[in-house]
Amino acid sequence: MAETFAAAGPPRFQLALPSIAETALRSNLDAVGISYARIDPASLFGAPLAKLPLIVSGKAGLVAGTGQPLADIGILSKTAPVIVILDDDALDDAISIMDIEGVELAVWPLEAEDILSILQRIDIGQGYAAGVHDRGPDAFVQIGMLSDEVSRIADQLARLASMKDGPVLPAAVTDRSAAETARSIREIIRKRQVRKQFFPAELFADPAWDIMLDLAAARLEGKQVSVSSLCIAAEVPTTTALRWIKGMTDAGMLARRSDPEDGRRSFIDLSDEAAEAMDRYIALVDSGAI
């Protein structure tokens, strides 16, 4: 049976965490006055759940404290949103749940503003929104706008991919090899990274574009990209990068691909539509048309 803790009023979250992780998170929930219900992780998959956001942690490919594969999160997310918290060294475990609807991803430590941002994103936190302004409005605004931004990019991508008639490109450009196109993309990435030597990196934060550039180059080079590697390429905090990767996957911009040499492993790739649009964009850049 769940127990309710902290502030007065109904619980806003359910925690099903090992004791150490629960202790670490409860202090931040207490700090923002959010009530929560505690569930023994061992009973998580064996009893009905309340329709409240559920926080669990992932460890070694399992839902921590349960012995269940992380992919079984899909069973729980049919009842309520599930927030899965991962350690930095377990980011690649996210691939097994990246395309499950109703799942949010985060990285330890989960700070107070992260909790409030998650509440806002799943549309139950209006009563706490004002508290964010004391704890990090920039992070809140960036994360809170993610869904709208991903939807906008996905709509534009669909239009680009469906265009039948585009600019006529010189033969020298259309005949370029994959290796030459990959070098062009890596040069774009290099120039973007050089800016950090002169200006604060957050001034130019554009995780969606950095993710797409990295995946486009890797695809042309025949390389496979892990979630942890892509989080680095996004050049934003890891929790933010995970949310962008998840949102872009939900929008059909990214896809999970199985390792042809090991079916138990998967990697992140551009969707075919996104790859086509990126190829056309790079061709335009290389032709000097833009």
Protein backbone atom coordinates (compact mmCIF):
# COMPACT_ATOMS: atom_id res chain seq x y z
CA MET A 1 0.00 0.00 0.00
CA ALA A 2 1.34 3.45 -0.94
CA GLU A 3 2.27 5.93 1.79
CA THR A 4 1.96 9.72 1.27
CA PHE A 5 4.76 12.03 2.40
CA ALA A 6 5.68 15.72 2.60
CA ALA A 7 3.43 18.71 1.90
CA ALA A 8 -0.27 18.84 2.68
CA GLY A 9 -2.65 17.97 -0.10
CA PRO A 10 -2.86 15.06 -2.52
CA PRO A 11 0.34 13.46 -3.82
CA ARG A 12 1.63 14.63 -7.20
CA PHE A 13 4.10 11.80 -7.81
CA GLN A 14 4.54 8.14 -6.99
CA LEU A 15 8.07 7.06 -6.08
CA ALA A 16 9.15 3.47 -6.65
CA LEU A 17 12.86 3.79 -5.95
CA PRO A 18 15.54 1.91 -4.02
CA SER A 19 16.06 3.50 -0.60
CA ILE A 20 19.25 5.43 -1.45
CA ALA A 21 17.76 6.94 -4.59
CA GLU A 22 14.51 7.73 -2.80
CA THR A 23 16.32 9.58 -0.03
CA ALA A 24 18.24 11.66 -2.58
CA LEU A 25 15.10 12.64 -4.47
CA ARG A 26 12.76 13.17 -1.50
CA SER A 27 14.79 16.14 -0.24
CA ASN A 28 14.23 17.96 -3.54
CA LEU A 29 10.52 17.14 -3.56
CA ASP A 30 10.29 18.40 0.01
CA ALA A 31 12.12 21.59 -1.00
CA VAL A 32 9.41 22.52 -3.49
CA GLY A 33 6.55 21.36 -1.27
CA ILE A 34 5.34 18.50 -3.45
CA SER A 35 3.55 15.57 -1.84
CA TYR A 36 4.36 12.11 -3.10
CA ALA A 37 3.34 8.53 -2.48
CA ARG A 38 5.94 5.84 -1.85
CA ILE A 39 5.58 2.42 -3.49
CA ASP A 40 7.81 -0.54 -2.70
CA PRO A 41 9.62 -1.25 -6.00
CA ALA A 42 9.31 -4.99 -5.37
CA SER A 43 5.53 -4.73 -5.71
CA LEU A 44 5.54 -2.29 -8.61
CA PHE A 45 4.46 -4.74 -11.31
CA GLY A 46 2.10 -6.72 -9.11
CA ALA A 47 -0.47 -4.20 -7.94
CA PRO A 48 -2.78 -1.58 -9.53
CA LEU A 49 -1.22 1.88 -9.79
CA ALA A 50 -2.80 5.26 -9.16
CA LYS A 51 -3.04 7.53 -12.19
CA LEU A 52 -0.18 9.71 -10.97
CA PRO A 53 3.24 10.23 -12.58
CA LEU A 54 5.55 7.47 -11.44
CA ILE A 55 9.28 7.95 -10.83
CA VAL A 56 11.56 4.92 -11.15
CA SER A 57 15.26 4.46 -11.79
CA GLY A 58 17.05 2.29 -14.30
CA LYS A 59 20.09 0.22 -13.49
CA ALA A 60 21.90 -2.41 -15.59
CA GLY A 61 19.00 -2.58 -18.04
CA LEU A 62 16.44 -3.21 -15.29
CA VAL A 63 13.82 -1.18 -13.44
CA ALA A 64 15.79 -0.78 -10.23
CA GLY A 65 14.47 -2.80 -7.30
CA THR A 66 12.17 -4.96 -9.43
CA GLY A 67 14.25 -7.37 -11.52
CA GLN A 68 12.07 -6.42 -14.53
CA PRO A 69 13.63 -5.40 -17.87
CA LEU A 70 13.60 -1.66 -18.43
CA ALA A 71 11.50 -2.20 -21.56
CA ASP A 72 8.64 -3.37 -19.32
CA ILE A 73 8.14 0.30 -18.44
CA GLY A 74 5.62 0.21 -21.27
CA ILE A 75 3.31 -1.81 -19.03
CA LEU A 76 3.38 0.91 -16.39
CA SER A 77 3.10 3.87 -18.77
CA LYS A 78 -0.32 2.64 -19.92
CA THR A 79 -1.67 3.77 -16.54
CA ALA A 80 0.26 7.00 -15.99
CA PRO A 81 3.38 8.86 -17.21
CA VAL A 82 6.62 7.25 -16.06
CA ILE A 83 9.79 9.24 -15.37
CA VAL A 84 12.87 7.05 -15.67
CA ILE A 85 16.04 8.36 -14.04
CA LEU A 86 19.36 7.01 -15.29
CA ASP A 87 22.95 7.31 -14.13
CA ASP A 88 25.43 8.88 -16.54
CA ASP A 89 27.01 5.47 -17.09
CA ALA A 90 23.63 3.91 -17.98
CA LEU A 91 22.48 6.36 -20.68
CA ASP A 92 22.61 3.72 -23.39
CA ASP A 93 19.91 1.78 -21.51
CA ALA A 94 17.53 4.54 -22.63
CA ILE A 95 17.45 3.06 -26.13
CA SER A 96 15.11 0.27 -25.02
CA ILE A 97 12.44 2.76 -23.88
CA MET A 98 13.12 5.67 -26.22
CA ASP A 99 10.05 5.04 -28.37
CA ILE A 100 7.58 4.14 -25.60
CA GLU A 101 4.74 6.63 -25.30
CA GLY A 102 4.25 8.21 -21.90
CA VAL A 103 7.89 7.93 -20.79
CA GLU A 104 10.06 10.85 -19.66
CA LEU A 105 13.83 10.53 -19.31
CA ALA A 106 16.09 12.22 -16.79
CA VAL A 107 19.57 11.84 -15.32
CA TRP A 108 20.71 11.80 -11.72
CA PRO A 109 20.77 14.07 -9.83
CA LEU A 110 17.20 15.21 -10.47
CA GLU A 111 17.13 18.80 -9.21
CA ALA A 112 14.13 20.84 -8.03
CA GLU A 113 13.76 22.69 -11.34
CA ASP A 114 13.85 19.38 -13.22
CA ILE A 115 10.96 18.10 -11.10
CA LEU A 116 8.92 21.24 -11.72
CA SER A 117 9.68 21.11 -15.43
CA ILE A 118 8.50 17.52 -15.62
CA LEU A 119 5.27 18.51 -13.87
CA GLN A 120 4.74 21.23 -16.45
CA ARG A 121 5.53 18.93 -19.37
CA ILE A 122 2.96 16.37 -18.34
CA ASP A 123 0.39 19.08 -17.76
CA ILE A 124 -0.28 18.64 -14.06
CA GLY A 125 2.02 21.27 -12.61
CA GLN A 126 0.27 24.58 -13.25
CA GLY A 127 -0.06 25.18 -9.53
CA TYR A 128 3.71 25.01 -9.09
CA ALA A 129 4.81 26.91 -12.19
CA ALA A 130 5.57 30.13 -10.30
CA GLY A 131 8.11 28.33 -8.14
CA VAL A 132 10.29 27.64 -11.14
CA HIS A 133 11.14 31.29 -11.54
CA ASP A 134 13.12 31.13 -8.29
CA ARG A 135 15.05 28.05 -9.33
CA GLY A 136 16.05 28.42 -12.95
CA PRO A 137 13.68 30.07 -15.44
CA ASP A 138 15.99 29.58 -18.40
CA ALA A 139 16.08 25.81 -17.92
CA PHE A 140 12.32 25.74 -17.39
CA VAL A 141 11.56 27.75 -20.52
CA GLN A 142 13.89 25.68 -22.66
CA ILE A 143 12.45 22.36 -21.50
CA GLY A 144 8.87 23.59 -21.42
CA MET A 145 9.07 24.68 -25.08
CA LEU A 146 10.64 21.44 -26.27
CA SER A 147 7.43 19.71 -27.36
CA ASP A 148 6.26 22.66 -29.45
CA GLU A 149 9.70 23.06 -31.01
CA VAL A 150 9.99 19.38 -31.91
CA SER A 151 6.52 19.42 -33.47
CA ARG A 152 7.42 22.47 -35.52
CA ILE A 153 10.65 20.91 -36.77
CA ALA A 154 8.90 17.64 -37.55
CA ASP A 155 6.23 19.42 -39.62
CA GLN A 156 8.87 21.31 -41.56
CA LEU A 157 10.86 18.11 -42.07
CA ALA A 158 7.79 16.35 -43.48
CA ARG A 159 7.29 19.17 -45.98
CA LEU A 160 10.93 19.09 -47.07
CA ALA A 161 10.98 15.33 -47.45
CA SER A 162 7.80 15.37 -49.55
CA MET A 163 8.97 18.05 -51.99
CA LYS A 164 9.19 16.55 -55.48
CA ASP A 165 10.80 19.49 -57.24
CA GLY A 166 13.78 21.14 -55.66
CA PRO A 167 16.60 23.35 -56.85
CA VAL A 168 18.61 21.92 -59.75
CA LEU A 169 22.04 21.12 -58.38
CA PRO A 170 25.30 20.97 -60.33
CA ALA A 171 26.33 17.44 -61.31
CA ALA A 172 29.56 17.89 -59.38
CA VAL A 173 27.48 18.15 -56.20
CA THR A 174 24.96 15.39 -56.87
CA ASP A 175 27.77 13.02 -57.83
CA ARG A 176 29.68 13.56 -54.58
CA SER A 177 30.49 10.44 -52.60
CA ALA A 178 29.09 9.73 -49.14
CA ALA A 179 32.56 10.27 -47.69
CA GLU A 180 32.81 13.73 -49.24
CA THR A 181 29.37 14.71 -47.97
CA ALA A 182 30.24 13.40 -44.50
CA ARG A 183 33.36 15.57 -44.50
CA SER A 184 31.22 18.59 -45.34
CA ILE A 185 28.96 17.87 -42.38
CA ARG A 186 31.90 17.34 -40.01
CA GLU A 187 33.26 20.71 -41.14
CA ILE A 188 29.94 22.36 -40.25
CA ILE A 189 30.12 20.69 -36.83
CA ARG A 190 33.73 21.80 -36.35
CA LYS A 191 32.88 25.42 -37.15
CA ARG A 192 29.97 25.33 -34.71
CA GLN A 193 32.24 24.02 -31.96
CA VAL A 194 34.87 26.71 -32.57
CA ARG A 195 32.37 29.34 -31.44
CA LYS A 196 32.73 28.06 -27.88
CA GLN A 197 36.26 29.47 -27.82
CA PHE A 198 34.85 32.97 -28.14
CA PHE A 199 31.28 32.92 -26.79
CA PRO A 200 29.36 31.05 -24.06
CA ALA A 201 28.18 27.70 -25.47
CA GLU A 202 24.62 28.19 -24.20
CA LEU A 203 24.30 31.31 -26.37
CA PHE A 204 24.05 29.09 -29.45
CA ALA A 205 22.40 25.99 -27.96
CA ASP A 206 20.52 24.20 -30.73
CA PRO A 207 20.36 20.55 -29.68
CA ALA A 208 18.01 19.39 -32.44
CA TRP A 209 20.37 20.63 -35.15
CA ASP A 210 23.49 19.32 -33.42
CA ILE A 211 21.83 15.90 -33.05
CA MET A 212 20.81 15.81 -36.71
CA LEU A 213 24.25 16.89 -37.95
CA ASP A 214 26.02 14.24 -35.89
CA LEU A 215 23.65 11.48 -37.01
CA ALA A 216 23.78 12.56 -40.66
CA ALA A 217 27.57 12.38 -40.69
CA ALA A 218 27.64 9.04 -38.87
CA ARG A 219 25.08 7.57 -41.28
CA LEU A 220 27.23 8.53 -44.28
CA GLU A 221 30.35 7.16 -42.55
CA GLY A 222 28.64 3.86 -41.76
CA LYS A 223 28.99 4.42 -38.02
CA GLN A 224 26.48 3.53 -35.30
CA VAL A 225 25.63 6.13 -32.67
CA SER A 226 24.75 5.32 -29.06
CA VAL A 227 22.49 7.43 -26.87
CA SER A 228 25.41 8.46 -24.66
CA SER A 229 27.43 9.60 -27.68
CA LEU A 230 24.48 11.57 -29.03
CA CYS A 231 23.97 13.30 -25.67
CA ILE A 232 27.54 14.58 -25.95
CA ALA A 233 26.97 15.75 -29.52
CA ALA A 234 23.87 17.72 -28.45
CA GLU A 235 26.08 19.98 -26.29
CA VAL A 236 23.39 20.66 -23.68
CA PRO A 237 22.91 19.17 -20.18
CA THR A 238 22.35 15.43 -20.37
CA THR A 239 18.76 15.46 -19.11
CA THR A 240 17.90 18.10 -21.72
CA ALA A 241 19.64 16.07 -24.43
CA LEU A 242 17.69 12.95 -23.49
CA ARG A 243 14.43 14.86 -23.70
CA TRP A 244 15.31 16.18 -27.14
CA ILE A 245 16.26 12.69 -28.36
CA LYS A 246 13.04 11.27 -26.94
CA GLY A 247 10.93 14.09 -28.39
CA MET A 248 12.54 13.80 -31.82
CA THR A 249 12.00 10.04 -31.77
CA ASP A 250 8.34 10.53 -30.89
CA ALA A 251 8.05 13.03 -33.78
CA GLY A 252 9.47 10.54 -36.29
CA MET A 253 12.72 12.41 -36.85
CA LEU A 254 14.91 9.78 -35.21
CA ALA A 255 14.63 6.00 -35.25
CA ARG A 256 15.96 3.09 -33.26
CA ARG A 257 18.02 0.65 -35.34
CA SER A 258 19.07 -2.84 -34.27
CA ASP A 259 22.74 -3.74 -34.47
CA PRO A 260 22.98 -6.16 -37.44
CA GLU A 261 25.77 -8.02 -35.64
CA ASP A 262 24.00 -8.24 -32.28
CA GLY A 263 20.21 -8.10 -32.23
CA ARG A 264 20.25 -7.38 -28.49
CA ARG A 265 21.80 -3.96 -29.11
CA SER A 266 20.25 -0.90 -30.71
CA PHE A 267 21.44 2.49 -31.82
CA ILE A 268 19.92 5.87 -32.77
CA ASP A 269 19.71 6.94 -36.40
CA LEU A 270 17.95 9.57 -38.49
CA SER A 271 14.64 8.42 -39.89
CA ASP A 272 14.76 7.88 -43.65
CA GLU A 273 12.73 11.06 -44.19
CA ALA A 274 15.06 13.11 -42.01
CA ALA A 275 18.12 11.66 -43.73
CA GLU A 276 16.70 12.58 -47.15
CA ALA A 277 16.02 16.15 -46.07
CA MET A 278 19.52 16.46 -44.58
CA ASP A 279 21.11 15.13 -47.79
CA ARG A 280 19.25 17.75 -49.81
CA TYR A 281 20.26 20.50 -47.41
CA ILE A 282 23.95 19.57 -47.49
CA ALA A 283 23.82 19.37 -51.29
CA LEU A 284 22.46 22.92 -51.38
CA VAL A 285 25.19 24.14 -49.02
CA ASP A 286 27.92 22.46 -51.06
CA SER A 287 26.54 23.86 -54.32
CA GLY A 288 26.76 27.41 -52.98
CA ALA A 289 23.02 27.86 -53.52
CA ILE A 290 22.59 28.90 -49.86
